[in-house]
Structure formats: structure tokens, C-alpha cells
Amino acid sequence: MVEIFYKKTLSQKIKKKAALIVLSVILLLIIVQVFYPADNLKVNFINVGE
């Protein structure tokens, strides 16, 4: 019983961490979009590619 409970809480913690990571990544992307519009990023990527 204790092991099952431990596994459930552990998976919930992992899910919470994963959700936090996803949210922080989305926030980062939004901030990047605000400061560096997609067009500028595309141009930079093309320049790096060449």
C-alpha cells in the first residue's frame, strides 16, 4: 500500500514539474516573440544556415 501511494505522489510531482517546465518554455517563447519577432528570427536562422 505504501509503495503504491509513493508511486502515485511521485508521478504527480513529475507531472507538476513537467507542467511547470512546459509553462516556462511557453512563457520564454512569448517573451522571445515580443522582443524578437518571428521574421527577425527566421532571417537570423537563414544567415546562420549559410
PDB file of N, CA and C in Angstrom:
ATOM      1  N   MET A   1       0.842  -1.215   0.000  1.00  0.00           N
ATOM      2  CA  MET A   1       0.000   0.000   0.000  1.00  0.00           C
ATOM      3  C   MET A   1       0.874   1.260   0.000  1.00  0.00           C
ATOM      4  N   VAL A   2       1.903   1.262   0.829  1.00  0.00           N
ATOM      5  CA  VAL A   2       2.768   2.444   0.924  1.00  0.00           C
ATOM      6  C   VAL A   2       3.468   2.693  -0.412  1.00  0.00           C
ATOM      7  N   GLU A   3       3.944   1.605  -1.048  1.00  0.00           N
ATOM      8  CA  GLU A   3       4.651   1.745  -2.329  1.00  0.00           C
ATOM      9  C   GLU A   3       3.737   2.343  -3.394  1.00  0.00           C
ATOM     10  N   ILE A   4       2.489   1.865  -3.456  1.00  0.00           N
ATOM     11  CA  ILE A   4       1.529   2.373  -4.442  1.00  0.00           C
ATOM     12  C   ILE A   4       1.306   3.867  -4.202  1.00  0.00           C
ATOM     13  N   PHE A   5       1.096   4.242  -2.936  1.00  0.00           N
ATOM     14  CA  PHE A   5       0.880   5.653  -2.593  1.00  0.00           C
ATOM     15  C   PHE A   5       2.097   6.491  -2.990  1.00  0.00           C
ATOM     16  N   TYR A   6       3.289   5.970  -2.696  1.00  0.00           N
ATOM     17  CA  TYR A   6       4.532   6.680  -3.018  1.00  0.00           C
ATOM     18  C   TYR A   6       4.658   6.887  -4.522  1.00  0.00           C
ATOM     19  N   LYS A   7       4.360   5.842  -5.284  1.00  0.00           N
ATOM     20  CA  LYS A   7       4.449   5.940  -6.749  1.00  0.00           C
ATOM     21  C   LYS A   7       3.465   6.976  -7.273  1.00  0.00           C
ATOM     22  N   LYS A   8       2.254   7.002  -6.724  1.00  0.00           N
ATOM     23  CA  LYS A   8       1.245   7.970  -7.178  1.00  0.00           C
ATOM     24  C   LYS A   8       1.711   9.397  -6.896  1.00  0.00           C
ATOM     25  N   THR A   9       2.199   9.649  -5.688  1.00  0.00           N
ATOM     26  CA  THR A   9       2.650  11.001  -5.342  1.00  0.00           C
ATOM     27  C   THR A   9       3.856  11.382  -6.187  1.00  0.00           C
ATOM     28  N   LEU A  10       4.744  10.415  -6.432  1.00  0.00           N
ATOM     29  CA  LEU A  10       5.937  10.677  -7.229  1.00  0.00           C
ATOM     30  C   LEU A  10       5.541  11.080  -8.644  1.00  0.00           C
ATOM     31  N   SER A  11       4.616  10.331  -9.241  1.00  0.00           N
ATOM     32  CA  SER A  11       4.193  10.640 -10.612  1.00  0.00           C
ATOM     33  C   SER A  11       3.501  12.004 -10.657  1.00  0.00           C
ATOM     34  N   GLN A  12       2.748  12.338  -9.609  1.00  0.00           N
ATOM     35  CA  GLN A  12       2.090  13.654  -9.565  1.00  0.00           C
ATOM     36  C   GLN A  12       3.138  14.760  -9.513  1.00  0.00           C
ATOM     37  N   LYS A  13       4.198  14.541  -8.721  1.00  0.00           N
ATOM     38  CA  LYS A  13       5.268  15.543  -8.641  1.00  0.00           C
ATOM     39  C   LYS A  13       5.933  15.709  -9.999  1.00  0.00           C
ATOM     40  N   ILE A  14       6.178  14.583 -10.677  1.00  0.00           N
ATOM     41  CA  ILE A  14       6.805  14.630 -12.005  1.00  0.00           C
ATOM     42  C   ILE A  14       5.895  15.381 -12.971  1.00  0.00           C
ATOM     43  N   LYS A  15       4.591  15.096 -12.903  1.00  0.00           N
ATOM     44  CA  LYS A  15       3.632  15.783 -13.777  1.00  0.00           C
ATOM     45  C   LYS A  15       3.651  17.282 -13.500  1.00  0.00           C
ATOM     46  N   LYS A  16       3.696  17.661 -12.217  1.00  0.00           N
ATOM     47  CA  LYS A  16       3.723  19.082 -11.856  1.00  0.00           C
ATOM     48  C   LYS A  16       4.988  19.731 -12.395  1.00  0.00           C
ATOM     49  N   LYS A  17       6.132  19.031 -12.239  1.00  0.00           N
ATOM     50  CA  LYS A  17       7.398  19.567 -12.748  1.00  0.00           C
ATOM     51  C   LYS A  17       7.333  19.723 -14.254  1.00  0.00           C
ATOM     52  N   ALA A  18       6.808  18.712 -14.939  1.00  0.00           N
ATOM     53  CA  ALA A  18       6.696  18.758 -16.402  1.00  0.00           C
ATOM     54  C   ALA A  18       5.814  19.930 -16.820  1.00  0.00           C
ATOM     55  N   ALA A  19       4.702  20.116 -16.114  1.00  0.00           N
ATOM     56  CA  ALA A  19       3.785  21.217 -16.430  1.00  0.00           C
ATOM     57  C   ALA A  19       4.495  22.558 -16.232  1.00  0.00           C
ATOM     58  N   LEU A  20       5.261  22.674 -15.152  1.00  0.00           N
ATOM     59  CA  LEU A  20       5.996  23.918 -14.891  1.00  0.00           C
ATOM     60  C   LEU A  20       7.009  24.185 -15.996  1.00  0.00           C
ATOM     61  N   ILE A  21       7.717  23.126 -16.414  1.00  0.00           N
ATOM     62  CA  ILE A  21       8.721  23.277 -17.479  1.00  0.00           C
ATOM     63  C   ILE A  21       8.044  23.734 -18.766  1.00  0.00           C
ATOM     64  N   VAL A  22       6.916  23.093 -19.105  1.00  0.00           N
ATOM     65  CA  VAL A  22       6.186  23.444 -20.330  1.00  0.00           C
ATOM     66  C   VAL A  22       5.732  24.900 -20.263  1.00  0.00           C
ATOM     67  N   LEU A  23       5.181  25.298 -19.108  1.00  0.00           N
ATOM     68  CA  LEU A  23       4.706  26.680 -18.950  1.00  0.00           C
ATOM     69  C   LEU A  23       5.855  27.676 -19.086  1.00  0.00           C
ATOM     70  N   SER A  24       6.988  27.368 -18.462  1.00  0.00           N
ATOM     71  CA  SER A  24       8.132  28.281 -18.534  1.00  0.00           C
ATOM     72  C   SER A  24       8.648  28.392 -19.966  1.00  0.00           C
ATOM     73  N   VAL A  25       8.636  27.262 -20.700  1.00  0.00           N
ATOM     74  CA  VAL A  25       9.077  27.286 -22.102  1.00  0.00           C
ATOM     75  C   VAL A  25       8.137  28.152 -22.932  1.00  0.00           C
ATOM     76  N   ILE A  26       6.827  27.994 -22.700  1.00  0.00           N
ATOM     77  CA  ILE A  26       5.836  28.789 -23.440  1.00  0.00           C
ATOM     78  C   ILE A  26       6.037  30.274 -23.128  1.00  0.00           C
ATOM     79  N   LEU A  27       6.253  30.593 -21.844  1.00  0.00           N
ATOM     80  CA  LEU A  27       6.494  31.985 -21.454  1.00  0.00           C
ATOM     81  C   LEU A  27       7.735  32.532 -22.151  1.00  0.00           C
ATOM     82  N   LEU A  28       8.800  31.725 -22.181  1.00  0.00           N
ATOM     83  CA  LEU A  28      10.030  32.134 -22.861  1.00  0.00           C
ATOM     84  C   LEU A  28       9.764  32.426 -24.326  1.00  0.00           C
ATOM     85  N   LEU A  29       9.007  31.532 -24.977  1.00  0.00           N
ATOM     86  CA  LEU A  29       8.689  31.717 -26.398  1.00  0.00           C
ATOM     87  C   LEU A  29       7.913  33.011 -26.613  1.00  0.00           C
ATOM     88  N   ILE A  30       6.952  33.287 -25.712  1.00  0.00           N
ATOM     89  CA  ILE A  30       6.152  34.516 -25.832  1.00  0.00           C
ATOM     90  C   ILE A  30       7.058  35.736 -25.682  1.00  0.00           C
ATOM     91  N   ILE A  31       7.950  35.700 -24.688  1.00  0.00           N
ATOM     92  CA  ILE A  31       8.868  36.826 -24.456  1.00  0.00           C
ATOM     93  C   ILE A  31       9.759  37.022 -25.679  1.00  0.00           C
ATOM     94  N   VAL A  32      10.265  35.909 -26.226  1.00  0.00           N
ATOM     95  CA  VAL A  32      11.118  35.981 -27.424  1.00  0.00           C
ATOM     96  C   VAL A  32      10.336  36.589 -28.583  1.00  0.00           C
ATOM     97  N   GLN A  33       9.087  36.169 -28.741  1.00  0.00           N
ATOM     98  CA  GLN A  33       8.251  36.698 -29.831  1.00  0.00           C
ATOM     99  C   GLN A  33       8.040  38.198 -29.663  1.00  0.00           C
ATOM    100  N   VAL A  34       7.891  38.657 -28.420  1.00  0.00           N
ATOM    101  CA  VAL A  34       7.655  40.084 -28.166  1.00  0.00           C
ATOM    102  C   VAL A  34       8.905  40.898 -28.520  1.00  0.00           C
ATOM    103  N   PHE A  35      10.081  40.426 -28.053  1.00  0.00           N
ATOM    104  CA  PHE A  35      11.307  41.195 -28.247  1.00  0.00           C
ATOM    105  C   PHE A  35      11.934  40.959 -29.615  1.00  0.00           C
ATOM    106  N   TYR A  36      11.832  39.712 -30.101  1.00  0.00           N
ATOM    107  CA  TYR A  36      12.387  39.363 -31.420  1.00  0.00           C
ATOM    108  C   TYR A  36      11.287  38.725 -32.255  1.00  0.00           C
ATOM    109  N   PRO A  37      10.591  39.508 -33.080  1.00  0.00           N
ATOM    110  CA  PRO A  37       9.521  38.939 -33.909  1.00  0.00           C
ATOM    111  C   PRO A  37      10.021  37.784 -34.770  1.00  0.00           C
ATOM    112  N   ALA A  38       9.099  36.906 -35.153  1.00  0.00           N
ATOM    113  CA  ALA A  38       9.428  35.680 -35.882  1.00  0.00           C
ATOM    114  C   ALA A  38      10.224  35.988 -37.150  1.00  0.00           C
ATOM    115  N   ASP A  39       9.911  37.101 -37.821  1.00  0.00           N
ATOM    116  CA  ASP A  39      10.599  37.443 -39.070  1.00  0.00           C
ATOM    117  C   ASP A  39      12.102  37.610 -38.832  1.00  0.00           C
ATOM    118  N   ASN A  40      12.455  38.343 -37.775  1.00  0.00           N
ATOM    119  CA  ASN A  40      13.871  38.549 -37.460  1.00  0.00           C
ATOM    120  C   ASN A  40      14.547  37.224 -37.150  1.00  0.00           C
ATOM    121  N   LEU A  41      13.861  36.355 -36.394  1.00  0.00           N
ATOM    122  CA  LEU A  41      14.422  35.051 -36.046  1.00  0.00           C
ATOM    123  C   LEU A  41      14.677  34.236 -37.305  1.00  0.00           C
ATOM    124  N   LYS A  42      13.720  34.234 -38.226  1.00  0.00           N
ATOM    125  CA  LYS A  42      13.863  33.473 -39.474  1.00  0.00           C
ATOM    126  C   LYS A  42      15.062  33.979 -40.263  1.00  0.00           C
ATOM    127  N   VAL A  43      15.207  35.296 -40.348  1.00  0.00           N
ATOM    128  CA  VAL A  43      16.337  35.882 -41.077  1.00  0.00           C
ATOM    129  C   VAL A  43      17.643  35.437 -40.429  1.00  0.00           C
ATOM    130  N   ASN A  44      17.701  35.486 -39.083  1.00  0.00           N
ATOM    131  CA  ASN A  44      18.913  35.077 -38.372  1.00  0.00           C
ATOM    132  C   ASN A  44      19.227  33.615 -38.646  1.00  0.00           C
ATOM    133  N   PHE A  45      18.206  32.752 -38.632  1.00  0.00           N
ATOM    134  CA  PHE A  45      18.416  31.325 -38.868  1.00  0.00           C
ATOM    135  C   PHE A  45      18.928  31.094 -40.288  1.00  0.00           C
ATOM    136  N   ILE A  46      18.383  31.832 -41.245  1.00  0.00           N
ATOM    137  CA  ILE A  46      18.816  31.686 -42.644  1.00  0.00           C
ATOM    138  C   ILE A  46      20.283  32.115 -42.762  1.00  0.00           C
ATOM    139  N   ASN A  47      20.638  33.226 -42.114  1.00  0.00           N
ATOM    140  CA  ASN A  47      22.026  33.708 -42.163  1.00  0.00           C
ATOM    141  C   ASN A  47      22.972  32.686 -41.547  1.00  0.00           C
ATOM    142  N   VAL A  48      22.579  32.097 -40.429  1.00  0.00           N
ATOM    143  CA  VAL A  48      23.412  31.087 -39.760  1.00  0.00           C
ATOM    144  C   VAL A  48      23.555  29.871 -40.668  1.00  0.00           C
ATOM    145  N   GLY A  49      22.452  29.488 -41.353  1.00  0.00           N
ATOM    146  CA  GLY A  49      22.470  28.336 -42.257  1.00  0.00           C
ATOM    147  C   GLY A  49      23.488  28.514 -43.371  1.00  0.00           C
ATOM    148  N   GLU A  50      23.616  29.725 -43.898  1.00  0.00           N
ATOM    149  CA  GLU A  50      24.585  29.986 -44.968  1.00  0.00           C
ATOM    150  C   GLU A  50      25.981  30.089 -44.355  1.00  0.00           C
TER     151      GLU A  50
END
